[in-house]
Amino acid sequence: MISREEALELLKKYNKEEFHVHHGITLECVMKYMANKLGYSDEAEFWGICGLLHDVDFEMWPEEHCKKAVELLEEAGVDEKIIHAVVSHGYGECSDVFPDHEMEKILFAMDELTGLIGAAVILRPSHSCKDMDLKSLKKKFKDKRFAAGCSRDIIQKGADQLGWELPKLMEETLEAMQACEDEIIALEE
């Protein structure tokens, strides 16, 4: 399996904007947190690397997102399971690869929602999600003008794939981001 350091180097090779690297690190930490929470502790590193690499091709090839990733990851010798997870996170949008494993469904579901939470954090006086509550997140979700680039439909599809109600997905994602916030900041330094 590709190491965390190699995965980060690969992400940074194709993503120069700080936002994209931050988003990858956020998903890495959230995925590791969820692996531990859901009883997949022995796979936490794998889940994290899938989160880190999920948008490896997005910045440079947005029109080929999820398609170009296959080529980039194969060239780097990345395991087929990671490639499947990366490609399946775009199911129905930029990929026809269905997320089979629970990890892939978590990645699909939490990707877009972490972006929405991240946008809300920017506007908070604390610049932290630690003091955000579920009610506030639901309000931001309902306001279609807020973070308009974050697809509410994809977030709902993610909850559906997991068999979760939307509030449960919101609660789990917010909890994961709150728990990981300090780690995310430390990994970016």
N, C-alpha and C. Protein backbone atom coordinates (compact mmCIF):
# COMPACT_ATOMS: atom_id res chain seq x y z
N MET A 1 0.84 -1.18 0.00
CA MET A 1 0.00 0.00 0.00
C MET A 1 0.88 1.25 0.00
N ILE A 2 0.44 2.26 -0.68
CA ILE A 2 1.15 3.54 -0.71
C ILE A 2 1.18 4.11 0.71
N SER A 3 2.30 4.70 1.07
CA SER A 3 2.41 5.29 2.41
C SER A 3 1.67 6.61 2.45
N ARG A 4 1.43 7.07 3.64
CA ARG A 4 0.75 8.36 3.82
C ARG A 4 1.60 9.48 3.21
N GLU A 5 2.91 9.42 3.43
CA GLU A 5 3.81 10.44 2.91
C GLU A 5 3.80 10.45 1.38
N GLU A 6 3.82 9.27 0.77
CA GLU A 6 3.77 9.17 -0.69
C GLU A 6 2.44 9.68 -1.22
N ALA A 7 1.35 9.37 -0.52
CA ALA A 7 0.03 9.83 -0.95
C ALA A 7 -0.06 11.34 -0.89
N LEU A 8 0.45 11.94 0.18
CA LEU A 8 0.44 13.39 0.30
C LEU A 8 1.29 14.03 -0.79
N GLU A 9 2.45 13.45 -1.06
CA GLU A 9 3.32 13.96 -2.13
C GLU A 9 2.59 13.90 -3.48
N LEU A 10 1.89 12.81 -3.73
CA LEU A 10 1.13 12.66 -4.97
C LEU A 10 0.01 13.70 -5.05
N LEU A 11 -0.71 13.90 -3.95
CA LEU A 11 -1.77 14.91 -3.92
C LEU A 11 -1.20 16.29 -4.23
N LYS A 12 -0.08 16.63 -3.60
CA LYS A 12 0.53 17.95 -3.80
C LYS A 12 1.14 18.10 -5.20
N LYS A 13 1.51 17.01 -5.82
CA LYS A 13 2.05 17.07 -7.18
C LYS A 13 1.01 17.60 -8.15
N TYR A 14 -0.25 17.22 -7.94
CA TYR A 14 -1.31 17.60 -8.87
C TYR A 14 -2.27 18.64 -8.31
N ASN A 15 -2.03 19.11 -7.10
CA ASN A 15 -2.89 20.11 -6.47
C ASN A 15 -2.01 21.18 -5.82
N LYS A 16 -2.00 22.35 -6.42
CA LYS A 16 -1.16 23.45 -5.93
C LYS A 16 -1.92 24.41 -5.03
N GLU A 17 -3.24 24.44 -5.17
CA GLU A 17 -4.04 25.35 -4.35
C GLU A 17 -4.17 24.80 -2.94
N GLU A 18 -3.95 25.67 -1.97
CA GLU A 18 -4.01 25.28 -0.56
C GLU A 18 -5.36 24.64 -0.21
N PHE A 19 -6.44 25.17 -0.78
CA PHE A 19 -7.77 24.65 -0.48
C PHE A 19 -7.88 23.16 -0.80
N HIS A 20 -7.38 22.74 -1.96
CA HIS A 20 -7.50 21.35 -2.37
C HIS A 20 -6.69 20.41 -1.47
N VAL A 21 -5.52 20.86 -1.08
CA VAL A 21 -4.70 20.05 -0.16
C VAL A 21 -5.39 19.97 1.20
N HIS A 22 -5.91 21.10 1.66
CA HIS A 22 -6.65 21.12 2.94
C HIS A 22 -7.84 20.16 2.90
N HIS A 23 -8.58 20.18 1.81
CA HIS A 23 -9.75 19.30 1.68
C HIS A 23 -9.32 17.83 1.72
N GLY A 24 -8.22 17.50 1.05
CA GLY A 24 -7.72 16.12 1.09
C GLY A 24 -7.33 15.69 2.49
N ILE A 25 -6.63 16.57 3.20
CA ILE A 25 -6.22 16.26 4.58
C ILE A 25 -7.45 16.14 5.47
N THR A 26 -8.43 17.00 5.26
CA THR A 26 -9.67 16.92 6.04
C THR A 26 -10.33 15.56 5.86
N LEU A 27 -10.46 15.13 4.61
CA LEU A 27 -11.09 13.83 4.34
C LEU A 27 -10.25 12.69 4.87
N GLU A 28 -8.93 12.83 4.82
CA GLU A 28 -8.06 11.80 5.40
C GLU A 28 -8.39 11.61 6.88
N CYS A 29 -8.43 12.69 7.61
CA CYS A 29 -8.66 12.61 9.06
C CYS A 29 -10.08 12.14 9.38
N VAL A 30 -11.06 12.64 8.65
CA VAL A 30 -12.45 12.23 8.86
C VAL A 30 -12.61 10.73 8.58
N MET A 31 -11.99 10.26 7.51
CA MET A 31 -12.10 8.84 7.16
C MET A 31 -11.44 7.96 8.22
N LYS A 32 -10.29 8.36 8.72
CA LYS A 32 -9.63 7.59 9.77
C LYS A 32 -10.49 7.57 11.03
N TYR A 33 -11.06 8.70 11.36
CA TYR A 33 -11.94 8.78 12.53
C TYR A 33 -13.12 7.82 12.37
N MET A 34 -13.74 7.84 11.20
CA MET A 34 -14.91 6.99 10.97
C MET A 34 -14.52 5.51 10.95
N ALA A 35 -13.35 5.18 10.43
CA ALA A 35 -12.88 3.79 10.46
C ALA A 35 -12.80 3.29 11.90
N ASN A 36 -12.22 4.10 12.75
CA ASN A 36 -12.11 3.72 14.16
C ASN A 36 -13.48 3.64 14.83
N LYS A 37 -14.33 4.58 14.53
CA LYS A 37 -15.66 4.61 15.15
C LYS A 37 -16.52 3.41 14.72
N LEU A 38 -16.40 3.02 13.47
CA LEU A 38 -17.26 1.97 12.92
C LEU A 38 -16.67 0.56 13.04
N GLY A 39 -15.56 0.43 13.75
CA GLY A 39 -14.98 -0.89 13.99
C GLY A 39 -14.00 -1.38 12.94
N TYR A 40 -13.46 -0.47 12.16
CA TYR A 40 -12.47 -0.82 11.13
C TYR A 40 -11.09 -0.27 11.49
N SER A 41 -10.76 -0.29 12.77
CA SER A 41 -9.50 0.32 13.22
C SER A 41 -8.28 -0.22 12.49
N ASP A 42 -8.31 -1.49 12.15
CA ASP A 42 -7.17 -2.09 11.44
C ASP A 42 -7.04 -1.57 10.00
N GLU A 43 -8.07 -0.90 9.51
CA GLU A 43 -8.05 -0.34 8.15
C GLU A 43 -8.00 1.19 8.16
N ALA A 44 -7.79 1.80 9.32
CA ALA A 44 -7.87 3.26 9.43
C ALA A 44 -6.89 3.97 8.49
N GLU A 45 -5.66 3.48 8.37
CA GLU A 45 -4.69 4.11 7.47
C GLU A 45 -5.16 4.04 6.03
N PHE A 46 -5.68 2.87 5.64
CA PHE A 46 -6.21 2.68 4.29
C PHE A 46 -7.35 3.67 4.03
N TRP A 47 -8.30 3.76 4.97
CA TRP A 47 -9.42 4.70 4.82
C TRP A 47 -8.88 6.13 4.68
N GLY A 48 -7.89 6.46 5.49
CA GLY A 48 -7.32 7.81 5.46
C GLY A 48 -6.66 8.13 4.12
N ILE A 49 -5.93 7.18 3.58
CA ILE A 49 -5.27 7.41 2.28
C ILE A 49 -6.30 7.58 1.18
N CYS A 50 -7.38 6.83 1.23
CA CYS A 50 -8.46 7.00 0.25
C CYS A 50 -9.04 8.41 0.34
N GLY A 51 -9.22 8.90 1.56
CA GLY A 51 -9.70 10.27 1.75
C GLY A 51 -8.71 11.30 1.24
N LEU A 52 -7.44 11.09 1.53
CA LEU A 52 -6.39 12.01 1.10
C LEU A 52 -6.33 12.12 -0.42
N LEU A 53 -6.48 11.00 -1.10
CA LEU A 53 -6.31 10.98 -2.56
C LEU A 53 -7.61 11.14 -3.36
N HIS A 54 -8.74 11.26 -2.70
CA HIS A 54 -10.02 11.19 -3.42
C HIS A 54 -10.16 12.23 -4.54
N ASP A 55 -9.56 13.40 -4.41
CA ASP A 55 -9.66 14.43 -5.44
C ASP A 55 -8.31 14.69 -6.12
N VAL A 56 -7.47 13.69 -6.20
CA VAL A 56 -6.12 13.87 -6.72
C VAL A 56 -6.11 14.53 -8.10
N ASP A 57 -7.12 14.28 -8.92
CA ASP A 57 -7.14 14.81 -10.29
C ASP A 57 -8.00 16.05 -10.45
N PHE A 58 -8.69 16.47 -9.41
CA PHE A 58 -9.72 17.51 -9.57
C PHE A 58 -9.18 18.87 -9.98
N GLU A 59 -8.11 19.32 -9.35
CA GLU A 59 -7.62 20.68 -9.64
C GLU A 59 -7.14 20.83 -11.08
N MET A 60 -6.35 19.89 -11.56
CA MET A 60 -5.75 20.02 -12.89
C MET A 60 -6.65 19.52 -14.01
N TRP A 61 -7.55 18.59 -13.70
CA TRP A 61 -8.41 18.01 -14.74
C TRP A 61 -9.86 17.94 -14.26
N PRO A 62 -10.48 19.08 -13.96
CA PRO A 62 -11.85 19.04 -13.42
C PRO A 62 -12.86 18.38 -14.37
N GLU A 63 -12.63 18.51 -15.66
CA GLU A 63 -13.55 17.90 -16.64
C GLU A 63 -13.36 16.39 -16.73
N GLU A 64 -12.22 15.90 -16.28
CA GLU A 64 -11.93 14.47 -16.30
C GLU A 64 -11.87 13.87 -14.90
N HIS A 65 -12.46 14.59 -13.93
CA HIS A 65 -12.42 14.16 -12.54
C HIS A 65 -12.93 12.73 -12.40
N CYS A 66 -12.22 11.93 -11.66
CA CYS A 66 -12.44 10.50 -11.41
C CYS A 66 -11.95 9.62 -12.56
N LYS A 67 -11.85 10.17 -13.73
CA LYS A 67 -11.34 9.38 -14.87
C LYS A 67 -9.81 9.48 -14.93
N LYS A 68 -9.30 10.71 -14.84
CA LYS A 68 -7.85 10.93 -14.88
C LYS A 68 -7.18 10.32 -13.65
N ALA A 69 -7.92 10.24 -12.54
CA ALA A 69 -7.37 9.67 -11.31
C ALA A 69 -6.88 8.25 -11.52
N VAL A 70 -7.59 7.48 -12.30
CA VAL A 70 -7.20 6.09 -12.57
C VAL A 70 -5.79 6.06 -13.16
N GLU A 71 -5.57 6.86 -14.17
CA GLU A 71 -4.27 6.92 -14.84
C GLU A 71 -3.17 7.38 -13.87
N LEU A 72 -3.43 8.46 -13.14
CA LEU A 72 -2.42 9.00 -12.21
C LEU A 72 -2.06 8.00 -11.12
N LEU A 73 -3.07 7.35 -10.57
CA LEU A 73 -2.83 6.42 -9.47
C LEU A 73 -2.19 5.12 -9.96
N GLU A 74 -2.59 4.65 -11.13
CA GLU A 74 -1.94 3.45 -11.69
C GLU A 74 -0.46 3.72 -11.97
N GLU A 75 -0.17 4.90 -12.55
CA GLU A 75 1.23 5.27 -12.83
C GLU A 75 2.06 5.30 -11.55
N ALA A 76 1.43 5.68 -10.45
CA ALA A 76 2.13 5.77 -9.16
C ALA A 76 2.18 4.42 -8.44
N GLY A 77 1.57 3.38 -9.05
CA GLY A 77 1.59 2.05 -8.45
C GLY A 77 0.65 1.88 -7.27
N VAL A 78 -0.41 2.67 -7.24
CA VAL A 78 -1.36 2.64 -6.13
C VAL A 78 -2.26 1.41 -6.25
N ASP A 79 -2.55 0.81 -5.13
CA ASP A 79 -3.39 -0.39 -5.04
C ASP A 79 -4.77 -0.18 -5.68
N GLU A 80 -5.24 -1.21 -6.33
CA GLU A 80 -6.54 -1.17 -7.02
C GLU A 80 -7.69 -0.84 -6.08
N LYS A 81 -7.62 -1.26 -4.82
CA LYS A 81 -8.70 -0.95 -3.86
C LYS A 81 -8.80 0.55 -3.60
N ILE A 82 -7.65 1.21 -3.54
CA ILE A 82 -7.65 2.66 -3.36
C ILE A 82 -8.20 3.33 -4.60
N ILE A 83 -7.79 2.87 -5.76
CA ILE A 83 -8.28 3.44 -7.02
C ILE A 83 -9.80 3.29 -7.10
N HIS A 84 -10.32 2.12 -6.75
CA HIS A 84 -11.78 1.91 -6.78
C HIS A 84 -12.48 2.90 -5.84
N ALA A 85 -11.94 3.09 -4.65
CA ALA A 85 -12.55 4.02 -3.69
C ALA A 85 -12.53 5.46 -4.22
N VAL A 86 -11.39 5.86 -4.77
CA VAL A 86 -11.25 7.22 -5.31
C VAL A 86 -12.26 7.44 -6.43
N VAL A 87 -12.37 6.49 -7.33
CA VAL A 87 -13.26 6.65 -8.47
C VAL A 87 -14.73 6.56 -8.04
N SER A 88 -15.03 5.69 -7.09
CA SER A 88 -16.43 5.51 -6.68
C SER A 88 -16.97 6.69 -5.88
N HIS A 89 -16.10 7.55 -5.36
CA HIS A 89 -16.61 8.70 -4.61
C HIS A 89 -17.34 9.68 -5.53
N GLY A 90 -17.17 9.52 -6.83
CA GLY A 90 -17.86 10.39 -7.80
C GLY A 90 -19.02 9.71 -8.49
N TYR A 91 -19.49 8.61 -7.92
CA TYR A 91 -20.56 7.83 -8.55
C TYR A 91 -21.78 8.71 -8.88
N GLY A 92 -22.22 8.58 -10.13
CA GLY A 92 -23.40 9.31 -10.58
C GLY A 92 -23.11 10.73 -11.02
N GLU A 93 -21.92 11.22 -10.76
CA GLU A 93 -21.56 12.58 -11.15
C GLU A 93 -20.46 12.56 -12.21
N CYS A 94 -19.35 11.90 -11.89
CA CYS A 94 -18.22 11.84 -12.82
C CYS A 94 -17.71 10.41 -12.98
N SER A 95 -18.46 9.47 -12.43
CA SER A 95 -18.05 8.07 -12.47
C SER A 95 -19.27 7.16 -12.46
N ASP A 96 -19.11 6.01 -13.08
CA ASP A 96 -20.18 5.01 -13.01
C ASP A 96 -19.78 3.83 -12.12
N VAL A 97 -18.71 4.02 -11.35
CA VAL A 97 -18.23 2.99 -10.44
C VAL A 97 -18.97 3.15 -9.10
N PHE A 98 -19.76 2.15 -8.75
CA PHE A 98 -20.58 2.21 -7.54
C PHE A 98 -19.74 1.98 -6.30
N PRO A 99 -19.97 2.76 -5.24
CA PRO A 99 -19.28 2.52 -3.98
C PRO A 99 -19.83 1.27 -3.30
N ASP A 100 -19.05 0.20 -3.29
CA ASP A 100 -19.50 -1.09 -2.75
C ASP A 100 -19.29 -1.20 -1.24
N HIS A 101 -18.11 -0.89 -0.80
CA HIS A 101 -17.71 -1.08 0.60
C HIS A 101 -18.25 0.07 1.45
N GLU A 102 -18.47 -0.18 2.72
CA GLU A 102 -18.95 0.87 3.63
C GLU A 102 -18.01 2.07 3.62
N MET A 103 -16.70 1.83 3.54
CA MET A 103 -15.74 2.92 3.48
C MET A 103 -16.00 3.82 2.28
N GLU A 104 -16.26 3.21 1.13
CA GLU A 104 -16.50 3.99 -0.08
C GLU A 104 -17.79 4.81 0.05
N LYS A 105 -18.77 4.26 0.70
CA LYS A 105 -20.04 4.98 0.92
C LYS A 105 -19.84 6.14 1.88
N ILE A 106 -19.02 5.94 2.90
CA ILE A 106 -18.70 7.02 3.85
C ILE A 106 -17.98 8.15 3.10
N LEU A 107 -17.00 7.79 2.26
CA LEU A 107 -16.26 8.79 1.49
C LEU A 107 -17.20 9.57 0.58
N PHE A 108 -18.07 8.86 -0.13
CA PHE A 108 -19.04 9.51 -1.01
C PHE A 108 -19.91 10.47 -0.21
N ALA A 109 -20.42 10.00 0.93
CA ALA A 109 -21.38 10.77 1.72
C ALA A 109 -20.75 11.98 2.40
N MET A 110 -19.54 11.84 2.89
CA MET A 110 -18.95 12.90 3.70
C MET A 110 -18.13 13.91 2.90
N ASP A 111 -17.75 13.58 1.69
CA ASP A 111 -16.94 14.48 0.86
C ASP A 111 -17.62 15.84 0.72
N GLU A 112 -18.79 15.86 0.18
CA GLU A 112 -19.49 17.11 -0.10
C GLU A 112 -19.88 17.83 1.20
N LEU A 113 -20.28 17.06 2.20
CA LEU A 113 -20.73 17.66 3.45
C LEU A 113 -19.58 18.30 4.22
N THR A 114 -18.38 17.72 4.15
CA THR A 114 -17.24 18.37 4.81
C THR A 114 -16.96 19.72 4.15
N GLY A 115 -17.21 19.82 2.86
CA GLY A 115 -17.05 21.10 2.17
C GLY A 115 -18.04 22.15 2.67
N LEU A 116 -19.26 21.73 2.88
CA LEU A 116 -20.29 22.64 3.40
C LEU A 116 -19.93 23.09 4.82
N ILE A 117 -19.50 22.15 5.64
CA ILE A 117 -19.10 22.50 7.01
C ILE A 117 -17.89 23.42 6.98
N GLY A 118 -16.94 23.12 6.12
CA GLY A 118 -15.75 23.97 5.99
C GLY A 118 -16.10 25.40 5.59
N ALA A 119 -17.07 25.56 4.69
CA ALA A 119 -17.51 26.90 4.29
C ALA A 119 -18.14 27.63 5.47
N ALA A 120 -18.91 26.91 6.27
CA ALA A 120 -19.54 27.52 7.46
C ALA A 120 -18.48 27.95 8.47
N VAL A 121 -17.43 27.16 8.61
CA VAL A 121 -16.36 27.46 9.56
C VAL A 121 -15.69 28.79 9.22
N ILE A 122 -15.50 29.05 7.95
CA ILE A 122 -14.85 30.29 7.51
C ILE A 122 -15.61 31.52 8.02
N LEU A 123 -16.94 31.41 8.09
CA LEU A 123 -17.77 32.54 8.50
C LEU A 123 -17.96 32.64 10.01
N ARG A 124 -17.60 31.61 10.73
CA ARG A 124 -17.79 31.62 12.19
C ARG A 124 -16.75 32.51 12.86
N PRO A 125 -17.14 33.28 13.88
CA PRO A 125 -16.16 34.12 14.59
C PRO A 125 -14.98 33.31 15.14
N SER A 126 -15.25 32.08 15.57
CA SER A 126 -14.20 31.23 16.13
C SER A 126 -13.31 30.59 15.07
N HIS A 127 -13.77 30.58 13.81
CA HIS A 127 -13.10 29.87 12.71
C HIS A 127 -12.87 28.41 13.08
N SER A 128 -13.82 27.85 13.78
CA SER A 128 -13.74 26.47 14.26
C SER A 128 -15.10 25.79 14.11
N CYS A 129 -15.06 24.50 13.90
CA CYS A 129 -16.32 23.74 13.88
C CYS A 129 -16.64 23.18 15.27
N LYS A 130 -15.71 23.33 16.19
CA LYS A 130 -15.90 22.75 17.52
C LYS A 130 -17.10 23.34 18.26
N ASP A 131 -17.43 24.59 17.96
CA ASP A 131 -18.57 25.21 18.62
C ASP A 131 -19.81 25.25 17.73
N MET A 132 -19.78 24.53 16.62
CA MET A 132 -20.94 24.46 15.73
C MET A 132 -21.86 23.35 16.22
N ASP A 133 -23.14 23.62 16.19
CA ASP A 133 -24.09 22.58 16.57
C ASP A 133 -24.86 22.10 15.34
N LEU A 134 -25.55 21.00 15.52
CA LEU A 134 -26.29 20.38 14.42
C LEU A 134 -27.36 21.32 13.87
N LYS A 135 -28.02 22.06 14.73
CA LYS A 135 -29.06 22.99 14.31
C LYS A 135 -28.50 24.03 13.34
N SER A 136 -27.33 24.56 13.65
CA SER A 136 -26.67 25.54 12.79
C SER A 136 -26.32 24.93 11.43
N LEU A 137 -25.81 23.69 11.46
CA LEU A 137 -25.47 23.01 10.21
C LEU A 137 -26.72 22.77 9.36
N LYS A 138 -27.80 22.35 9.97
CA LYS A 138 -29.05 22.14 9.23
C LYS A 138 -29.54 23.42 8.58
N LYS A 139 -29.38 24.53 9.28
CA LYS A 139 -29.79 25.83 8.75
C LYS A 139 -28.97 26.18 7.51
N LYS A 140 -27.66 25.96 7.59
CA LYS A 140 -26.78 26.23 6.44
C LYS A 140 -27.14 25.30 5.26
N PHE A 141 -27.46 24.06 5.58
CA PHE A 141 -27.81 23.09 4.54
C PHE A 141 -29.07 23.54 3.80
N LYS A 142 -30.04 24.03 4.52
CA LYS A 142 -31.33 24.43 3.92
C LYS A 142 -31.20 25.69 3.07
N ASP A 143 -30.22 26.52 3.36
CA ASP A 143 -30.00 27.76 2.61
C ASP A 143 -29.22 27.44 1.34
N LYS A 144 -29.94 27.28 0.24
CA LYS A 144 -29.31 26.86 -1.03
C LYS A 144 -28.31 27.89 -1.56
N ARG A 145 -28.41 29.13 -1.10
CA ARG A 145 -27.47 30.16 -1.54
C ARG A 145 -26.14 30.03 -0.82
N PHE A 146 -26.16 29.44 0.37
CA PHE A 146 -24.92 29.27 1.13
C PHE A 146 -24.12 28.10 0.54
N ALA A 147 -22.86 28.34 0.26
CA ALA A 147 -21.99 27.30 -0.32
C ALA A 147 -22.72 26.59 -1.45
N ALA A 148 -23.17 27.39 -2.39
CA ALA A 148 -24.00 26.88 -3.49
C ALA A 148 -23.31 25.78 -4.30
N GLY A 149 -22.00 25.75 -4.28
CA GLY A 149 -21.27 24.71 -5.00
C GLY A 149 -21.31 23.34 -4.34
N CYS A 150 -21.77 23.28 -3.10
CA CYS A 150 -21.90 22.01 -2.39
C CYS A 150 -23.28 21.43 -2.68
N SER A 151 -23.30 20.35 -3.41
CA SER A 151 -24.56 19.76 -3.85
C SER A 151 -25.31 19.08 -2.71
N ARG A 152 -26.48 19.62 -2.42
CA ARG A 152 -27.34 19.01 -1.40
C ARG A 152 -27.86 17.66 -1.89
N ASP A 153 -28.04 17.53 -3.19
CA ASP A 153 -28.50 16.25 -3.75
C ASP A 153 -27.48 15.14 -3.52
N ILE A 154 -26.20 15.45 -3.72
CA ILE A 154 -25.14 14.45 -3.50
C ILE A 154 -25.08 14.08 -2.02
N ILE A 155 -25.21 15.08 -1.15
CA ILE A 155 -25.20 14.80 0.28
C ILE A 155 -26.35 13.86 0.65
N GLN A 156 -27.53 14.13 0.09
CA GLN A 156 -28.69 13.26 0.36
C GLN A 156 -28.47 11.86 -0.21
N LYS A 157 -27.90 11.77 -1.41
CA LYS A 157 -27.61 10.46 -2.00
C LYS A 157 -26.63 9.68 -1.12
N GLY A 158 -25.67 10.38 -0.54
CA GLY A 158 -24.71 9.73 0.36
C GLY A 158 -25.39 9.15 1.57
N ALA A 159 -26.30 9.90 2.17
CA ALA A 159 -27.06 9.40 3.31
C ALA A 159 -27.88 8.18 2.89
N ASP A 160 -28.49 8.26 1.73
CA ASP A 160 -29.31 7.14 1.23
C ASP A 160 -28.46 5.89 1.02
N GLN A 161 -27.28 6.04 0.43
CA GLN A 161 -26.40 4.89 0.19
C GLN A 161 -26.03 4.19 1.49
N LEU A 162 -25.84 4.98 2.53
CA LEU A 162 -25.48 4.42 3.83
C LEU A 162 -26.69 3.86 4.58
N GLY A 163 -27.88 4.22 4.12
CA GLY A 163 -29.08 3.82 4.84
C GLY A 163 -29.29 4.66 6.09
N TRP A 164 -28.76 5.88 6.06
CA TRP A 164 -28.87 6.80 7.19
C TRP A 164 -29.86 7.91 6.83
N GLU A 165 -30.52 8.44 7.84
CA GLU A 165 -31.30 9.65 7.65
C GLU A 165 -30.31 10.80 7.50
N LEU A 166 -30.71 11.85 6.80
CA LEU A 166 -29.83 13.00 6.58
C LEU A 166 -29.31 13.59 7.89
N PRO A 167 -30.14 13.78 8.92
CA PRO A 167 -29.61 14.33 10.17
C PRO A 167 -28.51 13.45 10.80
N LYS A 168 -28.60 12.14 10.64
CA LYS A 168 -27.54 11.26 11.16
C LYS A 168 -26.23 11.50 10.41
N LEU A 169 -26.30 11.62 9.08
CA LEU A 169 -25.09 11.91 8.30
C LEU A 169 -24.49 13.24 8.74
N MET A 170 -25.33 14.23 8.91
CA MET A 170 -24.84 15.54 9.35
C MET A 170 -24.18 15.44 10.73
N GLU A 171 -24.82 14.75 11.64
CA GLU A 171 -24.30 14.61 12.99
C GLU A 171 -22.96 13.86 13.00
N GLU A 172 -22.88 12.76 12.25
CA GLU A 172 -21.65 11.97 12.19
C GLU A 172 -20.50 12.75 11.56
N THR A 173 -20.80 13.48 10.50
CA THR A 173 -19.76 14.24 9.79
C THR A 173 -19.27 15.40 10.65
N LEU A 174 -20.21 16.11 11.28
CA LEU A 174 -19.83 17.21 12.15
C LEU A 174 -19.01 16.71 13.33
N GLU A 175 -19.43 15.60 13.92
CA GLU A 175 -18.67 15.01 15.04
C GLU A 175 -17.25 14.66 14.60
N ALA A 176 -17.13 14.05 13.44
CA ALA A 176 -15.80 13.67 12.94
C ALA A 176 -14.93 14.90 12.71
N MET A 177 -15.49 15.93 12.12
CA MET A 177 -14.70 17.13 11.86
C MET A 177 -14.32 17.83 13.17
N GLN A 178 -15.21 17.84 14.13
CA GLN A 178 -14.89 18.44 15.43
C GLN A 178 -13.75 17.67 16.11
N ALA A 179 -13.84 16.36 16.06
CA ALA A 179 -12.82 15.52 16.69
C ALA A 179 -11.47 15.63 15.99
N CYS A 180 -11.47 15.92 14.71
CA CYS A 180 -10.24 15.93 13.91
C CYS A 180 -9.65 17.32 13.69
N GLU A 181 -10.34 18.35 14.11
CA GLU A 181 -9.91 19.70 13.76
C GLU A 181 -8.46 20.00 14.14
N ASP A 182 -8.05 19.65 15.34
CA ASP A 182 -6.67 19.92 15.77
C ASP A 182 -5.67 19.12 14.95
N GLU A 183 -6.01 17.86 14.64
CA GLU A 183 -5.13 17.02 13.82
C GLU A 183 -4.97 17.59 12.41
N ILE A 184 -6.07 18.07 11.84
CA ILE A 184 -6.03 18.65 10.50
C ILE A 184 -5.09 19.85 10.49
N ILE A 185 -5.23 20.72 11.48
CA ILE A 185 -4.37 21.91 11.56
C ILE A 185 -2.91 21.50 11.71
N ALA A 186 -2.65 20.52 12.56
CA ALA A 186 -1.27 20.06 12.78
C ALA A 186 -0.66 19.45 11.52
N LEU A 187 -1.45 18.70 10.76
CA LEU A 187 -0.94 18.05 9.55
C LEU A 187 -0.65 19.07 8.44
N GLU A 188 -1.29 20.22 8.50
CA GLU A 188 -1.07 21.24 7.47
C GLU A 188 0.18 22.08 7.73
N GLU A 189 0.70 22.00 8.94
CA GLU A 189 1.87 22.85 9.27
C GLU A 189 3.15 22.25 8.77
